[in-house]
Amino acid sequence: MSKTIKLRVTDDVYKMIETAADGHRRNLSDFVEFATLQYLTSATYVSDTEMELILNDAELVANLKQGLEDIKKGDYTEI
């Protein structure tokens, strides 16, 4: 079942949404739904519990830090 929501945005943001909707040949409502789904399915979320587990894994944190250092040094291979 569809739900109706109210969304308050500035005039500038409204114009951006309107322009994007026109570019996608969608009405505003369809575009907002489309853009929201695109964002939600492409973003990665980690719950507080998951983040706590990650941060408490000393070996994982050390490996991630080493990986960042390797990237800064250019010590990596793109595949």
N, C-alpha and C. Protein backbone atom coordinates (compact mmCIF):
# COMPACT_ATOMS: atom_id res chain seq x y z
N MET A 1 0.83 -1.17 0.00
CA MET A 1 0.00 0.00 0.00
C MET A 1 0.88 1.24 0.00
N SER A 2 0.60 2.18 -0.86
CA SER A 2 1.37 3.41 -0.95
C SER A 2 1.13 4.30 0.25
N LYS A 3 2.15 5.03 0.64
CA LYS A 3 2.07 5.99 1.73
C LYS A 3 2.39 7.37 1.19
N THR A 4 1.79 8.37 1.78
CA THR A 4 2.06 9.75 1.42
C THR A 4 2.96 10.36 2.48
N ILE A 5 4.02 11.05 2.04
CA ILE A 5 4.90 11.72 2.99
C ILE A 5 4.99 13.19 2.60
N LYS A 6 5.29 14.02 3.59
CA LYS A 6 5.55 15.44 3.33
C LYS A 6 7.04 15.65 3.44
N LEU A 7 7.56 16.48 2.56
CA LEU A 7 9.00 16.73 2.53
C LEU A 7 9.21 18.22 2.41
N ARG A 8 9.94 18.79 3.33
CA ARG A 8 10.22 20.23 3.29
C ARG A 8 11.65 20.42 2.81
N VAL A 9 11.81 21.17 1.71
CA VAL A 9 13.13 21.45 1.15
C VAL A 9 13.21 22.92 0.78
N THR A 10 14.42 23.41 0.66
CA THR A 10 14.62 24.80 0.23
C THR A 10 14.26 24.93 -1.24
N ASP A 11 14.09 26.15 -1.70
CA ASP A 11 13.78 26.39 -3.11
C ASP A 11 14.88 25.84 -4.02
N ASP A 12 16.13 25.99 -3.60
CA ASP A 12 17.25 25.49 -4.41
C ASP A 12 17.21 23.98 -4.55
N VAL A 13 16.94 23.29 -3.45
CA VAL A 13 16.87 21.83 -3.49
C VAL A 13 15.68 21.39 -4.33
N TYR A 14 14.56 22.07 -4.18
CA TYR A 14 13.37 21.74 -4.97
C TYR A 14 13.69 21.85 -6.46
N LYS A 15 14.37 22.92 -6.85
CA LYS A 15 14.72 23.12 -8.26
C LYS A 15 15.64 22.00 -8.75
N MET A 16 16.56 21.57 -7.90
CA MET A 16 17.46 20.47 -8.28
C MET A 16 16.67 19.18 -8.50
N ILE A 17 15.75 18.90 -7.58
CA ILE A 17 14.92 17.70 -7.72
C ILE A 17 14.06 17.79 -8.97
N GLU A 18 13.47 18.95 -9.19
CA GLU A 18 12.62 19.14 -10.36
C GLU A 18 13.40 18.96 -11.66
N THR A 19 14.59 19.51 -11.71
CA THR A 19 15.44 19.39 -12.90
C THR A 19 15.84 17.93 -13.13
N ALA A 20 16.22 17.25 -12.05
CA ALA A 20 16.59 15.84 -12.17
C ALA A 20 15.41 15.00 -12.61
N ALA A 21 14.24 15.26 -12.05
CA ALA A 21 13.03 14.52 -12.42
C ALA A 21 12.73 14.71 -13.90
N ASP A 22 12.83 15.95 -14.37
CA ASP A 22 12.61 16.22 -15.80
C ASP A 22 13.61 15.46 -16.65
N GLY A 23 14.86 15.44 -16.22
CA GLY A 23 15.89 14.74 -16.97
C GLY A 23 15.65 13.24 -17.04
N HIS A 24 14.99 12.70 -16.04
CA HIS A 24 14.67 11.27 -16.02
C HIS A 24 13.27 11.00 -16.56
N ARG A 25 12.60 12.06 -17.00
CA ARG A 25 11.22 11.96 -17.51
C ARG A 25 10.30 11.30 -16.49
N ARG A 26 10.41 11.78 -15.25
CA ARG A 26 9.58 11.28 -14.15
C ARG A 26 8.91 12.47 -13.48
N ASN A 27 7.75 12.21 -12.86
CA ASN A 27 7.17 13.28 -12.05
C ASN A 27 7.95 13.34 -10.74
N LEU A 28 7.73 14.40 -9.96
CA LEU A 28 8.51 14.60 -8.74
C LEU A 28 8.39 13.42 -7.78
N SER A 29 7.18 12.95 -7.56
CA SER A 29 6.97 11.85 -6.62
C SER A 29 7.73 10.60 -7.06
N ASP A 30 7.61 10.25 -8.34
CA ASP A 30 8.32 9.07 -8.85
C ASP A 30 9.83 9.24 -8.74
N PHE A 31 10.32 10.46 -9.02
CA PHE A 31 11.75 10.67 -8.96
C PHE A 31 12.27 10.57 -7.54
N VAL A 32 11.56 11.16 -6.58
CA VAL A 32 12.00 11.09 -5.18
C VAL A 32 12.06 9.64 -4.73
N GLU A 33 11.07 8.83 -5.10
CA GLU A 33 11.09 7.41 -4.76
C GLU A 33 12.27 6.71 -5.43
N PHE A 34 12.47 6.97 -6.72
CA PHE A 34 13.58 6.38 -7.48
C PHE A 34 14.92 6.75 -6.85
N ALA A 35 15.12 8.05 -6.58
CA ALA A 35 16.40 8.51 -6.04
C ALA A 35 16.65 7.94 -4.65
N THR A 36 15.60 7.85 -3.85
CA THR A 36 15.74 7.29 -2.51
C THR A 36 16.13 5.82 -2.58
N LEU A 37 15.47 5.07 -3.44
CA LEU A 37 15.82 3.65 -3.60
C LEU A 37 17.23 3.47 -4.12
N GLN A 38 17.64 4.32 -5.07
CA GLN A 38 19.02 4.25 -5.58
C GLN A 38 20.02 4.46 -4.46
N TYR A 39 19.76 5.45 -3.62
CA TYR A 39 20.67 5.75 -2.52
C TYR A 39 20.69 4.60 -1.50
N LEU A 40 19.52 4.16 -1.12
CA LEU A 40 19.44 3.14 -0.07
C LEU A 40 20.02 1.80 -0.51
N THR A 41 19.95 1.48 -1.78
CA THR A 41 20.48 0.20 -2.24
C THR A 41 21.96 0.29 -2.61
N SER A 42 22.50 1.50 -2.69
CA SER A 42 23.92 1.62 -3.03
C SER A 42 24.77 1.97 -1.82
N ALA A 43 24.16 2.45 -0.76
CA ALA A 43 24.91 2.81 0.44
C ALA A 43 25.03 1.59 1.35
N THR A 44 26.10 1.55 2.10
CA THR A 44 26.32 0.46 3.03
C THR A 44 26.16 0.98 4.45
N TYR A 45 25.35 0.30 5.21
CA TYR A 45 25.11 0.70 6.58
C TYR A 45 25.61 -0.38 7.52
N VAL A 46 26.15 0.05 8.64
CA VAL A 46 26.60 -0.87 9.66
C VAL A 46 25.91 -0.44 10.96
N SER A 47 25.28 -1.39 11.62
CA SER A 47 24.62 -1.07 12.88
C SER A 47 25.67 -0.77 13.94
N ASP A 48 25.24 -0.15 15.03
CA ASP A 48 26.16 0.14 16.13
C ASP A 48 26.77 -1.14 16.68
N THR A 49 25.98 -2.20 16.74
CA THR A 49 26.47 -3.48 17.24
C THR A 49 27.55 -4.04 16.32
N GLU A 50 27.30 -3.99 15.00
CA GLU A 50 28.30 -4.47 14.04
C GLU A 50 29.57 -3.64 14.11
N MET A 51 29.42 -2.31 14.24
CA MET A 51 30.60 -1.45 14.30
C MET A 51 31.41 -1.74 15.56
N GLU A 52 30.74 -2.01 16.66
CA GLU A 52 31.44 -2.35 17.90
C GLU A 52 32.24 -3.65 17.71
N LEU A 53 31.64 -4.63 17.06
CA LEU A 53 32.36 -5.89 16.79
C LEU A 53 33.58 -5.65 15.91
N ILE A 54 33.41 -4.81 14.90
CA ILE A 54 34.53 -4.51 14.00
C ILE A 54 35.65 -3.83 14.76
N LEU A 55 35.31 -2.79 15.53
CA LEU A 55 36.34 -2.02 16.24
C LEU A 55 37.00 -2.82 17.35
N ASN A 56 36.32 -3.83 17.86
CA ASN A 56 36.91 -4.67 18.91
C ASN A 56 37.75 -5.81 18.36
N ASP A 57 37.79 -5.95 17.04
CA ASP A 57 38.60 -7.00 16.41
C ASP A 57 39.97 -6.39 16.09
N ALA A 58 40.91 -6.56 17.02
CA ALA A 58 42.23 -5.93 16.90
C ALA A 58 42.95 -6.31 15.63
N GLU A 59 42.86 -7.57 15.24
CA GLU A 59 43.56 -8.02 14.02
C GLU A 59 42.97 -7.34 12.79
N LEU A 60 41.64 -7.27 12.72
CA LEU A 60 40.98 -6.62 11.59
C LEU A 60 41.36 -5.14 11.51
N VAL A 61 41.31 -4.46 12.65
CA VAL A 61 41.65 -3.03 12.67
C VAL A 61 43.10 -2.82 12.24
N ALA A 62 44.00 -3.66 12.71
CA ALA A 62 45.41 -3.56 12.33
C ALA A 62 45.57 -3.78 10.83
N ASN A 63 44.86 -4.77 10.27
CA ASN A 63 44.94 -5.03 8.83
C ASN A 63 44.38 -3.87 8.02
N LEU A 64 43.28 -3.28 8.49
CA LEU A 64 42.71 -2.13 7.78
C LEU A 64 43.66 -0.94 7.81
N LYS A 65 44.28 -0.70 8.96
CA LYS A 65 45.25 0.41 9.06
C LYS A 65 46.44 0.15 8.15
N GLN A 66 46.91 -1.08 8.10
CA GLN A 66 48.04 -1.42 7.23
C GLN A 66 47.65 -1.22 5.77
N GLY A 67 46.43 -1.61 5.42
CA GLY A 67 45.96 -1.41 4.06
C GLY A 67 45.93 0.05 3.67
N LEU A 68 45.47 0.91 4.58
CA LEU A 68 45.46 2.35 4.30
C LEU A 68 46.87 2.90 4.12
N GLU A 69 47.79 2.43 4.96
CA GLU A 69 49.19 2.85 4.81
C GLU A 69 49.76 2.41 3.47
N ASP A 70 49.46 1.18 3.07
CA ASP A 70 49.93 0.67 1.78
C ASP A 70 49.39 1.54 0.63
N ILE A 71 48.13 1.92 0.72
CA ILE A 71 47.53 2.77 -0.32
C ILE A 71 48.24 4.11 -0.37
N LYS A 72 48.50 4.73 0.80
CA LYS A 72 49.18 6.02 0.85
C LYS A 72 50.57 5.93 0.21
N LYS A 73 51.25 4.80 0.38
CA LYS A 73 52.58 4.60 -0.18
C LYS A 73 52.54 4.20 -1.66
N GLY A 74 51.34 3.88 -2.16
CA GLY A 74 51.24 3.40 -3.53
C GLY A 74 51.63 1.94 -3.66
N ASP A 75 51.66 1.26 -2.53
CA ASP A 75 52.09 -0.14 -2.50
C ASP A 75 50.87 -1.07 -2.65
N TYR A 76 50.32 -1.10 -3.87
CA TYR A 76 49.17 -1.95 -4.14
C TYR A 76 49.10 -2.21 -5.65
N THR A 77 48.33 -3.19 -6.01
CA THR A 77 48.14 -3.55 -7.43
C THR A 77 46.65 -3.55 -7.74
N GLU A 78 46.28 -2.83 -8.78
CA GLU A 78 44.87 -2.85 -9.21
C GLU A 78 44.63 -4.10 -10.04
N ILE A 79 43.54 -4.76 -9.77
CA ILE A 79 43.21 -5.96 -10.55
C ILE A 79 41.83 -5.83 -11.15
